Amino acid sequence: MNTFKKYEMSPATWATLQAKIQQTDDEGNKSYVGCAVHEIGQICHAYDEEGNCTDLSTKWAVDILWYTEPVADFTPYEVWPDPCGVHTFAGCESEYLKGYCEKFPDSPFCVIPDAEE
């Protein structure tokens, strides 16, 4: 079963944690093990009228689609932007929403509409 998680951390912390989920082949090429990773980088939280970023996060955002149990060292850096944030893995929106609604069951994103309304 796949698990879709979002994380934010300092670039130095990311470098440390990234090494825990990578392997290096005989030719020096790195690849991820047990997951797919999308590095978002620094997220802009606000823009001015001209579209310039006025509130750039100092943290590094990373989305990980875990094919195995998520590595516990990542848990303190988990974040929960309103579904699905600025990135999603194609077809995995419901996987993220499932975890989001377990954490925030009263969120309007988690209300199932009444068929009679």
PDB file of N, CA and C in Angstrom:
ATOM      1  N   MET A   1       0.840  -1.180   0.000  1.00  0.00           N
ATOM      2  CA  MET A   1       0.000   0.000   0.000  1.00  0.00           C
ATOM      3  C   MET A   1       0.889   1.248   0.000  1.00  0.00           C
ATOM      4  N   ASN A   2       0.569   2.199  -0.863  1.00  0.00           N
ATOM      5  CA  ASN A   2       1.329   3.442  -0.945  1.00  0.00           C
ATOM      6  C   ASN A   2       0.833   4.455   0.074  1.00  0.00           C
ATOM      7  N   THR A   3       1.742   5.309   0.511  1.00  0.00           N
ATOM      8  CA  THR A   3       1.412   6.390   1.424  1.00  0.00           C
ATOM      9  C   THR A   3       2.017   7.667   0.871  1.00  0.00           C
ATOM     10  N   PHE A   4       1.196   8.710   0.721  1.00  0.00           N
ATOM     11  CA  PHE A   4       1.628   9.988   0.180  1.00  0.00           C
ATOM     12  C   PHE A   4       1.771  10.967   1.341  1.00  0.00           C
ATOM     13  N   LYS A   5       2.991  11.463   1.553  1.00  0.00           N
ATOM     14  CA  LYS A   5       3.273  12.401   2.645  1.00  0.00           C
ATOM     15  C   LYS A   5       3.975  13.644   2.115  1.00  0.00           C
ATOM     16  N   LYS A   6       3.786  14.747   2.823  1.00  0.00           N
ATOM     17  CA  LYS A   6       4.426  16.020   2.502  1.00  0.00           C
ATOM     18  C   LYS A   6       5.281  16.445   3.687  1.00  0.00           C
ATOM     19  N   TYR A   7       6.442  17.028   3.381  1.00  0.00           N
ATOM     20  CA  TYR A   7       7.394  17.394   4.427  1.00  0.00           C
ATOM     21  C   TYR A   7       7.981  18.775   4.148  1.00  0.00           C
ATOM     22  N   GLU A   8       8.375  19.459   5.229  1.00  0.00           N
ATOM     23  CA  GLU A   8       9.140  20.704   5.154  1.00  0.00           C
ATOM     24  C   GLU A   8      10.229  20.647   6.207  1.00  0.00           C
ATOM     25  N   MET A   9      11.436  21.044   5.789  1.00  0.00           N
ATOM     26  CA  MET A   9      12.584  20.998   6.700  1.00  0.00           C
ATOM     27  C   MET A   9      13.669  21.915   6.158  1.00  0.00           C
ATOM     28  N   SER A  10      14.696  22.111   6.943  1.00  0.00           N
ATOM     29  CA  SER A  10      15.822  22.905   6.449  1.00  0.00           C
ATOM     30  C   SER A  10      16.523  22.115   5.343  1.00  0.00           C
ATOM     31  N   PRO A  11      17.195  22.811   4.421  1.00  0.00           N
ATOM     32  CA  PRO A  11      17.940  22.084   3.391  1.00  0.00           C
ATOM     33  C   PRO A  11      18.974  21.115   3.973  1.00  0.00           C
ATOM     34  N   ALA A  12      19.591  21.473   5.086  1.00  0.00           N
ATOM     35  CA  ALA A  12      20.585  20.588   5.708  1.00  0.00           C
ATOM     36  C   ALA A  12      19.920  19.321   6.242  1.00  0.00           C
ATOM     37  N   THR A  13      18.744  19.471   6.847  1.00  0.00           N
ATOM     38  CA  THR A  13      18.014  18.302   7.341  1.00  0.00           C
ATOM     39  C   THR A  13      17.599  17.418   6.171  1.00  0.00           C
ATOM     40  N   TRP A  14      17.151  18.034   5.077  1.00  0.00           N
ATOM     41  CA  TRP A  14      16.783  17.253   3.902  1.00  0.00           C
ATOM     42  C   TRP A  14      17.975  16.446   3.389  1.00  0.00           C
ATOM     43  N   ALA A  15      19.132  17.047   3.336  1.00  0.00           N
ATOM     44  CA  ALA A  15      20.326  16.332   2.859  1.00  0.00           C
ATOM     45  C   ALA A  15      20.600  15.097   3.730  1.00  0.00           C
ATOM     46  N   THR A  16      20.428  15.232   5.033  1.00  0.00           N
ATOM     47  CA  THR A  16      20.650  14.115   5.955  1.00  0.00           C
ATOM     48  C   THR A  16      19.601  13.019   5.760  1.00  0.00           C
ATOM     49  N   LEU A  17      18.329  13.422   5.700  1.00  0.00           N
ATOM     50  CA  LEU A  17      17.262  12.436   5.553  1.00  0.00           C
ATOM     51  C   LEU A  17      17.254  11.803   4.169  1.00  0.00           C
ATOM     52  N   GLN A  18      17.572  12.585   3.159  1.00  0.00           N
ATOM     53  CA  GLN A  18      17.611  12.081   1.790  1.00  0.00           C
ATOM     54  C   GLN A  18      18.572  10.892   1.671  1.00  0.00           C
ATOM     55  N   ALA A  19      19.692  10.994   2.349  1.00  0.00           N
ATOM     56  CA  ALA A  19      20.686   9.910   2.306  1.00  0.00           C
ATOM     57  C   ALA A  19      20.127   8.606   2.859  1.00  0.00           C
ATOM     58  N   LYS A  20      19.127   8.687   3.748  1.00  0.00           N
ATOM     59  CA  LYS A  20      18.545   7.486   4.342  1.00  0.00           C
ATOM     60  C   LYS A  20      17.639   6.726   3.384  1.00  0.00           C
ATOM     61  N   ILE A  21      17.221   7.389   2.298  1.00  0.00           N
ATOM     62  CA  ILE A  21      16.302   6.737   1.365  1.00  0.00           C
ATOM     63  C   ILE A  21      16.913   6.597  -0.034  1.00  0.00           C
ATOM     64  N   GLN A  22      18.233   6.783  -0.114  1.00  0.00           N
ATOM     65  CA  GLN A  22      18.921   6.657  -1.391  1.00  0.00           C
ATOM     66  C   GLN A  22      19.932   5.525  -1.368  1.00  0.00           C
ATOM     67  N   GLN A  23      20.193   5.030  -2.554  1.00  0.00           N
ATOM     68  CA  GLN A  23      21.292   4.076  -2.731  1.00  0.00           C
ATOM     69  C   GLN A  23      22.137   4.580  -3.895  1.00  0.00           C
ATOM     70  N   THR A  24      23.390   4.197  -3.902  1.00  0.00           N
ATOM     71  CA  THR A  24      24.309   4.588  -4.967  1.00  0.00           C
ATOM     72  C   THR A  24      24.789   3.331  -5.672  1.00  0.00           C
ATOM     73  N   ASP A  25      24.689   3.337  -7.010  1.00  0.00           N
ATOM     74  CA  ASP A  25      25.138   2.167  -7.766  1.00  0.00           C
ATOM     75  C   ASP A  25      26.654   2.222  -7.988  1.00  0.00           C
ATOM     76  N   ASP A  26      27.184   1.222  -8.671  1.00  0.00           N
ATOM     77  CA  ASP A  26      28.628   1.105  -8.897  1.00  0.00           C
ATOM     78  C   ASP A  26      29.203   2.274  -9.691  1.00  0.00           C
ATOM     79  N   GLU A  27      28.353   2.964 -10.447  1.00  0.00           N
ATOM     80  CA  GLU A  27      28.813   4.087 -11.260  1.00  0.00           C
ATOM     81  C   GLU A  27      28.606   5.433 -10.578  1.00  0.00           C
ATOM     82  N   GLY A  28      28.130   5.409  -9.330  1.00  0.00           N
ATOM     83  CA  GLY A  28      27.938   6.642  -8.578  1.00  0.00           C
ATOM     84  C   GLY A  28      26.580   7.296  -8.755  1.00  0.00           C
ATOM     85  N   ASN A  29      25.673   6.645  -9.464  1.00  0.00           N
ATOM     86  CA  ASN A  29      24.328   7.186  -9.664  1.00  0.00           C
ATOM     87  C   ASN A  29      23.474   6.911  -8.430  1.00  0.00           C
ATOM     88  N   LYS A  30      22.749   7.936  -7.980  1.00  0.00           N
ATOM     89  CA  LYS A  30      21.876   7.772  -6.816  1.00  0.00           C
ATOM     90  C   LYS A  30      20.453   7.534  -7.271  1.00  0.00           C
ATOM     91  N   SER A  31      19.735   6.710  -6.503  1.00  0.00           N
ATOM     92  CA  SER A  31      18.318   6.475  -6.754  1.00  0.00           C
ATOM     93  C   SER A  31      17.620   6.271  -5.410  1.00  0.00           C
ATOM     94  N   TYR A  32      16.323   6.533  -5.417  1.00  0.00           N
ATOM     95  CA  TYR A  32      15.546   6.367  -4.191  1.00  0.00           C
ATOM     96  C   TYR A  32      15.109   4.916  -4.034  1.00  0.00           C
ATOM     97  N   VAL A  33      15.019   4.481  -2.791  1.00  0.00           N
ATOM     98  CA  VAL A  33      14.644   3.112  -2.461  1.00  0.00           C
ATOM     99  C   VAL A  33      13.324   3.131  -1.699  1.00  0.00           C
ATOM    100  N   GLY A  34      12.343   2.407  -2.207  1.00  0.00           N
ATOM    101  CA  GLY A  34      11.071   2.272  -1.501  1.00  0.00           C
ATOM    102  C   GLY A  34      10.171   3.483  -1.590  1.00  0.00           C
ATOM    103  N   CYS A  35      10.484   4.427  -2.490  1.00  0.00           N
ATOM    104  CA  CYS A  35       9.675   5.634  -2.579  1.00  0.00           C
ATOM    105  C   CYS A  35       9.962   6.396  -3.869  1.00  0.00           C
ATOM    106  N   ALA A  36       9.053   7.319  -4.177  1.00  0.00           N
ATOM    107  CA  ALA A  36       9.270   8.305  -5.238  1.00  0.00           C
ATOM    108  C   ALA A  36       9.315   9.661  -4.549  1.00  0.00           C
ATOM    109  N   VAL A  37      10.208  10.526  -5.004  1.00  0.00           N
ATOM    110  CA  VAL A  37      10.418  11.816  -4.354  1.00  0.00           C
ATOM    111  C   VAL A  37      10.239  12.943  -5.359  1.00  0.00           C
ATOM    112  N   HIS A  38       9.530  13.982  -4.935  1.00  0.00           N
ATOM    113  CA  HIS A  38       9.435  15.215  -5.725  1.00  0.00           C
ATOM    114  C   HIS A  38       9.878  16.355  -4.816  1.00  0.00           C
ATOM    115  N   GLU A  39      11.012  16.949  -5.152  1.00  0.00           N
ATOM    116  CA  GLU A  39      11.507  18.102  -4.390  1.00  0.00           C
ATOM    117  C   GLU A  39      10.823  19.355  -4.917  1.00  0.00           C
ATOM    118  N   ILE A  40      10.032  19.989  -4.087  1.00  0.00           N
ATOM    119  CA  ILE A  40       9.350  21.218  -4.464  1.00  0.00           C
ATOM    120  C   ILE A  40      10.280  22.403  -4.253  1.00  0.00           C
ATOM    121  N   GLY A  41      11.053  22.359  -3.187  1.00  0.00           N
ATOM    122  CA  GLY A  41      11.937  23.468  -2.859  1.00  0.00           C
ATOM    123  C   GLY A  41      11.233  24.454  -1.947  1.00  0.00           C
ATOM    124  N   GLN A  42      11.637  25.706  -2.028  1.00  0.00           N
ATOM    125  CA  GLN A  42      11.042  26.741  -1.187  1.00  0.00           C
ATOM    126  C   GLN A  42       9.699  27.164  -1.784  1.00  0.00           C
ATOM    127  N   ILE A  43       8.686  27.206  -0.954  1.00  0.00           N
ATOM    128  CA  ILE A  43       7.339  27.567  -1.394  1.00  0.00           C
ATOM    129  C   ILE A  43       7.078  29.035  -1.081  1.00  0.00           C
ATOM    130  N   CYS A  44       6.498  29.725  -2.045  1.00  0.00           N
ATOM    131  CA  CYS A  44       6.087  31.112  -1.826  1.00  0.00           C
ATOM    132  C   CYS A  44       4.687  31.096  -1.225  1.00  0.00           C
ATOM    133  N   HIS A  45       4.535  31.782  -0.071  1.00  0.00           N
ATOM    134  CA  HIS A  45       3.247  31.805   0.622  1.00  0.00           C
ATOM    135  C   HIS A  45       2.419  33.038   0.303  1.00  0.00           C
ATOM    136  N   ALA A  46       3.026  34.062  -0.298  1.00  0.00           N
ATOM    137  CA  ALA A  46       2.283  35.288  -0.630  1.00  0.00           C
ATOM    138  C   ALA A  46       2.978  36.015  -1.774  1.00  0.00           C
ATOM    139  N   TYR A  47       2.161  36.674  -2.598  1.00  0.00           N
ATOM    140  CA  TYR A  47       2.652  37.425  -3.754  1.00  0.00           C
ATOM    141  C   TYR A  47       2.103  38.844  -3.716  1.00  0.00           C
ATOM    142  N   ASP A  48       2.853  39.778  -4.312  1.00  0.00           N
ATOM    143  CA  ASP A  48       2.344  41.142  -4.445  1.00  0.00           C
ATOM    144  C   ASP A  48       1.513  41.256  -5.725  1.00  0.00           C
ATOM    145  N   GLU A  49       1.032  42.459  -6.012  1.00  0.00           N
ATOM    146  CA  GLU A  49       0.159  42.683  -7.170  1.00  0.00           C
ATOM    147  C   GLU A  49       0.837  42.340  -8.500  1.00  0.00           C
ATOM    148  N   GLU A  50       2.165  42.474  -8.568  1.00  0.00           N
ATOM    149  CA  GLU A  50       2.896  42.170  -9.806  1.00  0.00           C
ATOM    150  C   GLU A  50       3.271  40.697  -9.923  1.00  0.00           C
ATOM    151  N   GLY A  51       2.933  39.895  -8.913  1.00  0.00           N
ATOM    152  CA  GLY A  51       3.255  38.474  -8.961  1.00  0.00           C
ATOM    153  C   GLY A  51       4.601  38.120  -8.357  1.00  0.00           C
ATOM    154  N   ASN A  52       5.245  39.076  -7.689  1.00  0.00           N
ATOM    155  CA  ASN A  52       6.527  38.815  -7.033  1.00  0.00           C
ATOM    156  C   ASN A  52       6.292  38.182  -5.665  1.00  0.00           C
ATOM    157  N   CYS A  53       7.109  37.220  -5.323  1.00  0.00           N
ATOM    158  CA  CYS A  53       6.982  36.552  -4.028  1.00  0.00           C
ATOM    159  C   CYS A  53       7.361  37.519  -2.915  1.00  0.00           C
ATOM    160  N   THR A  54       6.485  37.628  -1.920  1.00  0.00           N
ATOM    161  CA  THR A  54       6.754  38.497  -0.768  1.00  0.00           C
ATOM    162  C   THR A  54       6.934  37.704   0.520  1.00  0.00           C
ATOM    163  N   ASP A  55       6.702  36.394   0.457  1.00  0.00           N
ATOM    164  CA  ASP A  55       6.836  35.548   1.647  1.00  0.00           C
ATOM    165  C   ASP A  55       7.345  34.170   1.225  1.00  0.00           C
ATOM    166  N   LEU A  56       8.668  34.071   1.026  1.00  0.00           N
ATOM    167  CA  LEU A  56       9.291  32.828   0.603  1.00  0.00           C
ATOM    168  C   LEU A  56       9.718  32.021   1.828  1.00  0.00           C
ATOM    169  N   SER A  57       9.272  30.799   1.881  1.00  0.00           N
ATOM    170  CA  SER A  57       9.638  29.925   2.997  1.00  0.00           C
ATOM    171  C   SER A  57      11.147  29.702   3.023  1.00  0.00           C
ATOM    172  N   THR A  58      11.692  29.594   4.202  1.00  0.00           N
ATOM    173  CA  THR A  58      13.110  29.260   4.350  1.00  0.00           C
ATOM    174  C   THR A  58      13.309  27.750   4.373  1.00  0.00           C
ATOM    175  N   LYS A  59      12.201  27.014   4.421  1.00  0.00           N
ATOM    176  CA  LYS A  59      12.268  25.555   4.484  1.00  0.00           C
ATOM    177  C   LYS A  59      12.173  24.942   3.093  1.00  0.00           C
ATOM    178  N   TRP A  60      12.631  23.707   2.985  1.00  0.00           N
ATOM    179  CA  TRP A  60      12.623  22.944   1.744  1.00  0.00           C
ATOM    180  C   TRP A  60      11.445  21.988   1.779  1.00  0.00           C
ATOM    181  N   ALA A  61      10.571  22.076   0.787  1.00  0.00           N
ATOM    182  CA  ALA A  61       9.387  21.217   0.717  1.00  0.00           C
ATOM    183  C   ALA A  61       9.675  19.999  -0.155  1.00  0.00           C
ATOM    184  N   VAL A  62       9.233  18.842   0.328  1.00  0.00           N
ATOM    185  CA  VAL A  62       9.458  17.577  -0.371  1.00  0.00           C
ATOM    186  C   VAL A  62       8.200  16.729  -0.242  1.00  0.00           C
ATOM    187  N   ASP A  63       7.748  16.186  -1.373  1.00  0.00           N
ATOM    188  CA  ASP A  63       6.646  15.226  -1.361  1.00  0.00           C
ATOM    189  C   ASP A  63       7.231  13.842  -1.600  1.00  0.00           C
ATOM    190  N   ILE A  64       6.755  12.875  -0.821  1.00  0.00           N
ATOM    191  CA  ILE A  64       7.250  11.502  -0.978  1.00  0.00           C
ATOM    192  C   ILE A  64       6.061  10.550  -1.076  1.00  0.00           C
ATOM    193  N   LEU A  65       6.095   9.724  -2.109  1.00  0.00           N
ATOM    194  CA  LEU A  65       5.147   8.635  -2.248  1.00  0.00           C
ATOM    195  C   LEU A  65       5.883   7.378  -1.794  1.00  0.00           C
ATOM    196  N   TRP A  66       5.534   6.917  -0.596  1.00  0.00           N
ATOM    197  CA  TRP A  66       6.202   5.758  -0.006  1.00  0.00           C
ATOM    198  C   TRP A  66       5.568   4.479  -0.548  1.00  0.00           C
ATOM    199  N   TYR A  67       6.391   3.560  -1.005  1.00  0.00           N
ATOM    200  CA  TYR A  67       5.920   2.242  -1.448  1.00  0.00           C
ATOM    201  C   TYR A  67       5.987   1.242  -0.298  1.00  0.00           C
ATOM    202  N   THR A  68       6.688   1.623   0.734  1.00  0.00           N
ATOM    203  CA  THR A  68       6.835   0.818   1.948  1.00  0.00           C
ATOM    204  C   THR A  68       6.410   1.709   3.114  1.00  0.00           C
ATOM    205  N   GLU A  69       6.576   1.246   4.304  1.00  0.00           N
ATOM    206  CA  GLU A  69       6.268   2.055   5.490  1.00  0.00           C
ATOM    207  C   GLU A  69       7.161   3.295   5.480  1.00  0.00           C
ATOM    208  N   PRO A  70       6.591   4.504   5.699  1.00  0.00           N
ATOM    209  CA  PRO A  70       7.433   5.707   5.735  1.00  0.00           C
ATOM    210  C   PRO A  70       8.527   5.598   6.793  1.00  0.00           C
ATOM    211  N   VAL A  71       9.695   6.120   6.471  1.00  0.00           N
ATOM    212  CA  VAL A  71      10.824   6.117   7.408  1.00  0.00           C
ATOM    213  C   VAL A  71      10.468   7.045   8.571  1.00  0.00           C
ATOM    214  N   ALA A  72      10.539   6.524   9.788  1.00  0.00           N
ATOM    215  CA  ALA A  72      10.107   7.255  10.982  1.00  0.00           C
ATOM    216  C   ALA A  72      10.855   8.574  11.189  1.00  0.00           C
ATOM    217  N   ASP A  73      12.095   8.661  10.738  1.00  0.00           N
ATOM    218  CA  ASP A  73      12.872   9.892  10.915  1.00  0.00           C
ATOM    219  C   ASP A  73      12.237  11.091  10.217  1.00  0.00           C
ATOM    220  N   PHE A  74      11.360  10.847   9.257  1.00  0.00           N
ATOM    221  CA  PHE A  74      10.706  11.929   8.523  1.00  0.00           C
ATOM    222  C   PHE A  74       9.501  12.511   9.272  1.00  0.00           C
ATOM    223  N   THR A  75       8.930  11.759  10.196  1.00  0.00           N
ATOM    224  CA  THR A  75       7.678  12.142  10.863  1.00  0.00           C
ATOM    225  C   THR A  75       7.692  13.550  11.472  1.00  0.00           C
ATOM    226  N   PRO A  76       8.744  13.994  12.152  1.00  0.00           N
ATOM    227  CA  PRO A  76       8.697  15.343  12.740  1.00  0.00           C
ATOM    228  C   PRO A  76       8.587  16.467  11.709  1.00  0.00           C
ATOM    229  N   TYR A  77       8.828  16.158  10.443  1.00  0.00           N
ATOM    230  CA  TYR A  77       8.845  17.187   9.404  1.00  0.00           C
ATOM    231  C   TYR A  77       7.601  17.136   8.517  1.00  0.00           C
ATOM    232  N   GLU A  78       6.648  16.293   8.895  1.00  0.00           N
ATOM    233  CA  GLU A  78       5.413  16.150   8.131  1.00  0.00           C
ATOM    234  C   GLU A  78       4.592  17.433   8.221  1.00  0.00           C
ATOM    235  N   VAL A  79       4.022  17.854   7.095  1.00  0.00           N
ATOM    236  CA  VAL A  79       3.140  19.019   7.051  1.00  0.00           C
ATOM    237  C   VAL A  79       1.851  18.615   6.351  1.00  0.00           C
ATOM    238  N   TRP A  80       0.799  19.377   6.590  1.00  0.00           N
ATOM    239  CA  TRP A  80      -0.513  19.039   6.059  1.00  0.00           C
ATOM    240  C   TRP A  80      -1.165  20.244   5.391  1.00  0.00           C
ATOM    241  N   PRO A  81      -0.650  20.676   4.223  1.00  0.00           N
ATOM    242  CA  PRO A  81      -1.342  21.763   3.529  1.00  0.00           C
ATOM    243  C   PRO A  81      -2.719  21.290   3.072  1.00  0.00           C
ATOM    244  N   ASP A  82      -3.637  22.255   2.910  1.00  0.00           N
ATOM    245  CA  ASP A  82      -4.952  21.883   2.410  1.00  0.00           C
ATOM    246  C   ASP A  82      -4.771  21.102   1.113  1.00  0.00           C
ATOM    247  N   PRO A  83      -5.545  20.054   0.996  1.00  0.00           N
ATOM    248  CA  PRO A  83      -5.356  19.166  -0.168  1.00  0.00           C
ATOM    249  C   PRO A  83      -5.356  19.940  -1.477  1.00  0.00           C
ATOM    250  N   CYS A  84      -4.434  19.570  -2.312  1.00  0.00           N
ATOM    251  CA  CYS A  84      -3.247  18.758  -2.080  1.00  0.00           C
ATOM    252  C   CYS A  84      -1.981  19.613  -2.025  1.00  0.00           C
ATOM    253  N   GLY A  85      -2.082  20.879  -1.737  1.00  0.00           N
ATOM    254  CA  GLY A  85      -0.902  21.727  -1.729  1.00  0.00           C
ATOM    255  C   GLY A  85      -0.511  22.110  -3.148  1.00  0.00           C
ATOM    256  N   VAL A  86       0.773  22.345  -3.379  1.00  0.00           N
ATOM    257  CA  VAL A  86       1.236  22.797  -4.696  1.00  0.00           C
ATOM    258  C   VAL A  86       1.626  21.648  -5.622  1.00  0.00           C
ATOM    259  N   HIS A  87       1.636  20.420  -5.133  1.00  0.00           N
ATOM    260  CA  HIS A  87       2.041  19.274  -5.955  1.00  0.00           C
ATOM    261  C   HIS A  87       1.284  18.034  -5.517  1.00  0.00           C
ATOM    262  N   THR A  88       1.074  17.150  -6.466  1.00  0.00           N
ATOM    263  CA  THR A  88       0.553  15.828  -6.151  1.00  0.00           C
ATOM    264  C   THR A  88       1.158  14.825  -7.123  1.00  0.00           C
ATOM    265  N   PHE A  89       1.229  13.594  -6.708  1.00  0.00           N
ATOM    266  CA  PHE A  89       1.611  12.518  -7.611  1.00  0.00           C
ATOM    267  C   PHE A  89       0.338  12.117  -8.355  1.00  0.00           C
ATOM    268  N   ALA A  90       0.387  12.073  -9.668  1.00  0.00           N
ATOM    269  CA  ALA A  90      -0.797  11.796 -10.481  1.00  0.00           C
ATOM    270  C   ALA A  90      -1.530  10.561  -9.983  1.00  0.00           C
ATOM    271  N   GLY A  91      -2.819  10.729  -9.722  1.00  0.00           N
ATOM    272  CA  GLY A  91      -3.644   9.614  -9.281  1.00  0.00           C
ATOM    273  C   GLY A  91      -3.579   9.323  -7.798  1.00  0.00           C
ATOM    274  N   CYS A  92      -2.782  10.090  -7.039  1.00  0.00           N
ATOM    275  CA  CYS A  92      -2.615   9.803  -5.608  1.00  0.00           C
ATOM    276  C   CYS A  92      -3.283  10.842  -4.706  1.00  0.00           C
ATOM    277  N   GLU A  93      -4.112  11.687  -5.285  1.00  0.00           N
ATOM    278  CA  GLU A  93      -4.784  12.718  -4.490  1.00  0.00           C
ATOM    279  C   GLU A  93      -5.603  12.102  -3.361  1.00  0.00           C
ATOM    280  N   SER A  94      -6.301  11.006  -3.657  1.00  0.00           N
ATOM    281  CA  SER A  94      -7.139  10.382  -2.631  1.00  0.00           C
ATOM    282  C   SER A  94      -6.297   9.778  -1.510  1.00  0.00           C
ATOM    283  N   GLU A  95      -5.097   9.326  -1.834  1.00  0.00           N
ATOM    284  CA  GLU A  95      -4.207   8.774  -0.805  1.00  0.00           C
ATOM    285  C   GLU A  95      -3.797   9.871   0.183  1.00  0.00           C
ATOM    286  N   TYR A  96      -3.472  11.063  -0.342  1.00  0.00           N
ATOM    287  CA  TYR A  96      -3.129  12.185   0.537  1.00  0.00           C
ATOM    288  C   TYR A  96      -4.351  12.601   1.346  1.00  0.00           C
ATOM    289  N   LEU A  97      -5.500  12.703   0.694  1.00  0.00           N
ATOM    290  CA  LEU A  97      -6.723  13.135   1.368  1.00  0.00           C
ATOM    291  C   LEU A  97      -7.097  12.174   2.492  1.00  0.00           C
ATOM    292  N   LYS A  98      -6.869  10.902   2.300  1.00  0.00           N
ATOM    293  CA  LYS A  98      -7.158   9.907   3.344  1.00  0.00           C
ATOM    294  C   LYS A  98      -6.365  10.221   4.613  1.00  0.00           C
ATOM    295  N   GLY A  99      -5.055  10.430   4.480  1.00  0.00           N
ATOM    296  CA  GLY A  99      -4.235  10.776   5.643  1.00  0.00           C
ATOM    297  C   GLY A  99      -4.607  12.118   6.232  1.00  0.00           C
ATOM    298  N   TYR A 100      -4.926  13.080   5.361  1.00  0.00           N
ATOM    299  CA  TYR A 100      -5.328  14.420   5.814  1.00  0.00           C
ATOM    300  C   TYR A 100      -6.595  14.327   6.668  1.00  0.00           C
ATOM    301  N   CYS A 101      -7.581  13.575   6.193  1.00  0.00           N
ATOM    302  CA  CYS A 101      -8.854  13.481   6.910  1.00  0.00           C
ATOM    303  C   CYS A 101      -8.747  12.665   8.194  1.00  0.00           C
ATOM    304  N   GLU A 102      -7.788  11.754   8.277  1.00  0.00           N
ATOM    305  CA  GLU A 102      -7.541  11.057   9.540  1.00  0.00           C
ATOM    306  C   GLU A 102      -7.008  12.051  10.568  1.00  0.00           C
ATOM    307  N   LYS A 103      -6.177  12.998  10.102  1.00  0.00           N
ATOM    308  CA  LYS A 103      -5.574  13.993  10.997  1.00  0.00           C
ATOM    309  C   LYS A 103      -6.554  15.130  11.314  1.00  0.00           C
ATOM    310  N   PHE A 104      -7.351  15.543  10.310  1.00  0.00           N
ATOM    311  CA  PHE A 104      -8.274  16.675  10.452  1.00  0.00           C
ATOM    312  C   PHE A 104      -9.686  16.260  10.033  1.00  0.00           C
ATOM    313  N   PRO A 105     -10.346  15.409  10.798  1.00  0.00           N
ATOM    314  CA  PRO A 105     -11.649  14.882  10.374  1.00  0.00           C
ATOM    315  C   PRO A 105     -12.746  15.942  10.234  1.00  0.00           C
ATOM    316  N   ASP A 106     -12.611  17.086  10.888  1.00  0.00           N
ATOM    317  CA  ASP A 106     -13.639  18.126  10.817  1.00  0.00           C
ATOM    318  C   ASP A 106     -13.397  19.133   9.700  1.00  0.00           C
ATOM    319  N   SER A 107     -12.358  18.939   8.922  1.00  0.00           N
ATOM    320  CA  SER A 107     -12.050  19.853   7.822  1.00  0.00           C
ATOM    321  C   SER A 107     -13.156  19.813   6.771  1.00  0.00           C
ATOM    322  N   PRO A 108     -13.458  20.963   6.160  1.00  0.00           N
ATOM    323  CA  PRO A 108     -14.448  20.963   5.073  1.00  0.00           C
ATOM    324  C   PRO A 108     -14.032  20.075   3.897  1.00  0.00           C
ATOM    325  N   PHE A 109     -12.739  19.808   3.761  1.00  0.00           N
ATOM    326  CA  PHE A 109     -12.262  18.923   2.694  1.00  0.00           C
ATOM    327  C   PHE A 109     -12.685  17.476   2.949  1.00  0.00           C
ATOM    328  N   CYS A 110     -13.064  17.173   4.188  1.00  0.00           N
ATOM    329  CA  CYS A 110     -13.355  15.787   4.562  1.00  0.00           C
ATOM    330  C   CYS A 110     -14.851  15.521   4.743  1.00  0.00           C
ATOM    331  N   VAL A 111     -15.679  16.511   4.472  1.00  0.00           N
ATOM    332  CA  VAL A 111     -17.129  16.349   4.609  1.00  0.00           C
ATOM    333  C   VAL A 111     -17.666  15.705   3.346  1.00  0.00           C
ATOM    334  N   ILE A 112     -18.346  14.591   3.517  1.00  0.00           N
ATOM    335  CA  ILE A 112     -18.968  13.907   2.393  1.00  0.00           C
ATOM    336  C   ILE A 112     -20.347  14.522   2.189  1.00  0.00           C
ATOM    337  N   PRO A 113     -20.593  15.042   0.977  1.00  0.00           N
ATOM    338  CA  PRO A 113     -21.895  15.680   0.749  1.00  0.00           C
ATOM    339  C   PRO A 113     -23.044  14.690   0.907  1.00  0.00           C
ATOM    340  N   ASP A 114     -24.154  15.190   1.425  1.00  0.00           N
ATOM    341  CA  ASP A 114     -25.354  14.385   1.561  1.00  0.00           C
ATOM    342  C   ASP A 114     -26.007  14.269   0.194  1.00  0.00           C
ATOM    343  N   ALA A 115     -26.274  13.063  -0.259  1.00  0.00           N
ATOM    344  CA  ALA A 115     -26.853  12.823  -1.585  1.00  0.00           C
ATOM    345  C   ALA A 115     -28.231  13.456  -1.722  1.00  0.00           C
ATOM    346  N   GLU A 116     -28.921  13.711  -0.624  1.00  0.00           N
ATOM    347  CA  GLU A 116     -30.261  14.268  -0.669  1.00  0.00           C
ATOM    348  C   GLU A 116     -30.260  15.786  -0.729  1.00  0.00           C
ATOM    349  N   GLU A 117     -29.105  16.414  -0.555  1.00  0.00           N
ATOM    350  CA  GLU A 117     -29.044  17.887  -0.572  1.00  0.00           C
ATOM    351  C   GLU A 117     -28.934  18.409  -1.971  1.00  0.00           C
TER     352      GLU A 117
END
